[in-house]
Amino acid sequence: MTDDPLTRDEVHDLLRRIFAAFTSPTATPADFAELLTPDYVQRVDGKQLDYAGFVEHHQALRKSIVSGSVSFDHVVTDGASAATVHIAEAVKTTGERIRLKVIAYYEFRGGRISLIDELTHMLEGEQGDRDLGSRTVHG
């Protein structure tokens, strides 16, 4: 593996792949292992998850979300890091829709994501789903 900066296209591809895997109900921990470093850290709205916590987060969402998508409004990168503003949309098993505006900062190492630090703002949905960006099975 190398710590050479990623090209703009590689950053866009990596972000597209992580969100495609994350919104897929069939994604497995092996899928995430290709995209995230083993020491991955995610900070969302003051809560911190490690790699295992991220996998648990994905599993928790699979229990309440039937589909999801992410659309990027802005992506800025220097190849070693990136910042995005994006909209995350989801449909719950009840049919209710959730929309979140997310401002995120990423760091890359060895062609994978090593850090995501993000703030979320609910645009549509119930207040009980405010934790959607960091929800885990154990709370």
Protein backbone atom coordinates (compact mmCIF):
# COMPACT_ATOMS: atom_id res chain seq x y z
CA MET A 1 0.00 0.00 0.00
CA THR A 2 1.05 3.55 -0.57
CA ASP A 3 0.33 6.87 1.08
CA ASP A 4 0.59 8.75 -2.21
CA PRO A 5 -2.28 11.20 -2.63
CA LEU A 6 -5.29 9.90 -4.51
CA THR A 7 -6.32 11.56 -7.76
CA ARG A 8 -9.56 13.51 -7.84
CA ASP A 9 -11.20 10.65 -9.75
CA GLU A 10 -9.93 8.09 -7.20
CA VAL A 11 -11.37 10.15 -4.34
CA HIS A 12 -14.73 10.43 -6.09
CA ASP A 13 -14.71 6.70 -6.80
CA LEU A 14 -13.81 5.80 -3.20
CA LEU A 15 -16.59 8.02 -1.83
CA ARG A 16 -19.09 6.61 -4.31
CA ARG A 17 -18.09 3.04 -3.35
CA ILE A 18 -18.27 3.58 0.44
CA PHE A 19 -21.73 5.10 0.21
CA ALA A 20 -22.92 2.45 -2.26
CA ALA A 21 -21.78 -0.25 0.18
CA PHE A 22 -23.18 1.60 3.18
CA THR A 23 -26.63 2.00 1.60
CA SER A 24 -26.68 -1.60 0.36
CA PRO A 25 -28.68 -3.99 2.54
CA THR A 26 -26.46 -6.84 1.36
CA ALA A 27 -23.05 -5.27 2.15
CA THR A 28 -20.81 -7.37 4.38
CA PRO A 29 -17.90 -6.51 6.68
CA ALA A 30 -15.60 -7.78 3.90
CA ASP A 31 -16.96 -5.07 1.60
CA PHE A 32 -16.03 -2.41 4.16
CA ALA A 33 -12.56 -3.93 4.72
CA GLU A 34 -11.68 -2.97 1.14
CA LEU A 35 -12.75 0.64 1.74
CA LEU A 36 -11.81 1.45 5.34
CA THR A 37 -8.54 1.10 7.22
CA PRO A 38 -8.48 -1.32 10.19
CA ASP A 39 -7.97 1.64 12.54
CA TYR A 40 -10.82 3.62 10.95
CA VAL A 41 -12.50 6.28 13.11
CA GLN A 42 -15.86 7.93 12.49
CA ARG A 43 -17.08 10.94 14.44
CA VAL A 44 -20.73 11.87 13.96
CA ASP A 45 -22.47 14.62 15.92
CA GLY A 46 -20.18 14.12 18.92
CA LYS A 47 -20.28 10.31 18.93
CA GLN A 48 -17.19 8.30 17.93
CA LEU A 49 -17.19 4.87 16.28
CA ASP A 50 -14.23 2.64 15.49
CA TYR A 51 -14.19 0.13 12.63
CA ALA A 52 -16.24 -2.46 14.57
CA GLY A 53 -18.66 0.28 15.61
CA PHE A 54 -19.08 1.32 11.98
CA VAL A 55 -19.97 -2.26 11.01
CA GLU A 56 -22.42 -2.37 13.94
CA HIS A 57 -23.85 0.97 12.75
CA HIS A 58 -24.48 -0.50 9.29
CA GLN A 59 -26.15 -3.58 10.81
CA ALA A 60 -28.38 -1.41 13.03
CA LEU A 61 -29.57 0.64 10.07
CA ARG A 62 -30.35 -2.49 8.05
CA LYS A 63 -33.01 -3.30 10.68
CA SER A 64 -34.92 -0.05 10.17
CA ILE A 65 -34.01 1.15 6.64
CA VAL A 66 -35.10 -0.54 3.41
CA SER A 67 -33.29 1.76 0.99
CA GLY A 68 -30.95 4.70 0.96
CA SER A 69 -28.96 6.98 -1.28
CA VAL A 70 -26.40 9.76 -1.08
CA SER A 71 -26.08 12.69 -3.46
CA PHE A 72 -23.12 15.08 -3.31
CA ASP A 73 -23.63 18.83 -3.51
CA HIS A 74 -19.92 19.65 -3.04
CA VAL A 75 -16.68 17.64 -3.00
CA VAL A 76 -13.29 19.25 -2.39
CA THR A 77 -10.09 17.20 -2.18
CA ASP A 78 -6.31 17.47 -2.07
CA GLY A 79 -5.87 13.70 -2.51
CA ALA A 80 -4.94 13.03 1.13
CA SER A 81 -8.21 14.34 2.51
CA ALA A 82 -11.58 15.58 1.30
CA ALA A 83 -14.62 17.52 2.42
CA THR A 84 -18.16 17.03 1.21
CA VAL A 85 -21.62 18.43 1.62
CA HIS A 86 -24.09 15.73 0.77
CA ILE A 87 -27.71 14.71 1.22
CA ALA A 88 -28.43 11.26 2.66
CA GLU A 89 -31.91 9.93 1.99
CA ALA A 90 -33.49 6.78 3.37
CA VAL A 91 -36.81 4.99 3.44
CA LYS A 92 -37.67 3.25 6.69
CA THR A 93 -39.38 -0.14 6.92
CA THR A 94 -42.53 1.84 7.86
CA GLY A 95 -42.37 3.74 4.55
CA GLU A 96 -41.38 7.01 6.20
CA ARG A 97 -38.69 9.07 4.50
CA ILE A 98 -35.61 10.56 6.13
CA ARG A 99 -33.38 13.24 4.61
CA LEU A 100 -30.18 14.47 6.24
CA LYS A 101 -27.78 17.18 5.13
CA VAL A 102 -24.26 16.08 6.01
CA ILE A 103 -21.04 18.09 6.15
CA ALA A 104 -18.11 15.67 6.28
CA TYR A 105 -14.31 15.63 6.37
CA TYR A 106 -12.38 12.52 5.27
CA GLU A 107 -8.77 11.36 5.54
CA PHE A 108 -7.29 8.69 3.28
CA ARG A 109 -4.44 6.25 3.80
CA GLY A 110 -3.35 3.45 1.51
CA GLY A 111 -6.23 4.06 -0.87
CA ARG A 112 -8.82 3.63 1.90
CA ILE A 113 -10.70 5.92 4.26
CA SER A 114 -9.11 6.24 7.70
CA LEU A 115 -11.33 8.97 9.18
CA ILE A 116 -14.74 10.51 8.64
CA ASP A 117 -15.72 13.46 10.83
CA GLU A 118 -19.24 14.69 10.14
CA LEU A 119 -22.13 16.80 11.30
CA THR A 120 -25.68 15.96 10.28
CA HIS A 121 -28.79 18.11 10.06
CA MET A 122 -32.22 16.50 9.69
CA LEU A 123 -34.16 17.97 6.78
CA GLU A 124 -37.05 15.50 6.85
CA GLY A 125 -38.03 12.80 9.33
CA GLU A 126 -38.89 12.17 12.94
CA GLN A 127 -36.75 13.50 15.77
CA GLY A 128 -36.37 9.91 17.00
CA ASP A 129 -34.27 9.30 13.89
CA ARG A 130 -31.91 12.18 14.64
CA ASP A 131 -29.21 9.60 15.53
CA LEU A 132 -29.35 7.96 12.10
CA GLY A 133 -25.75 8.98 11.35
CA SER A 134 -24.36 7.13 14.37
CA ARG A 135 -27.00 4.62 15.48
CA THR A 136 -25.66 1.27 16.60
CA VAL A 137 -27.35 -1.90 17.79
CA HIS A 138 -26.38 -1.09 21.37
CA GLY A 139 -27.31 2.60 21.21
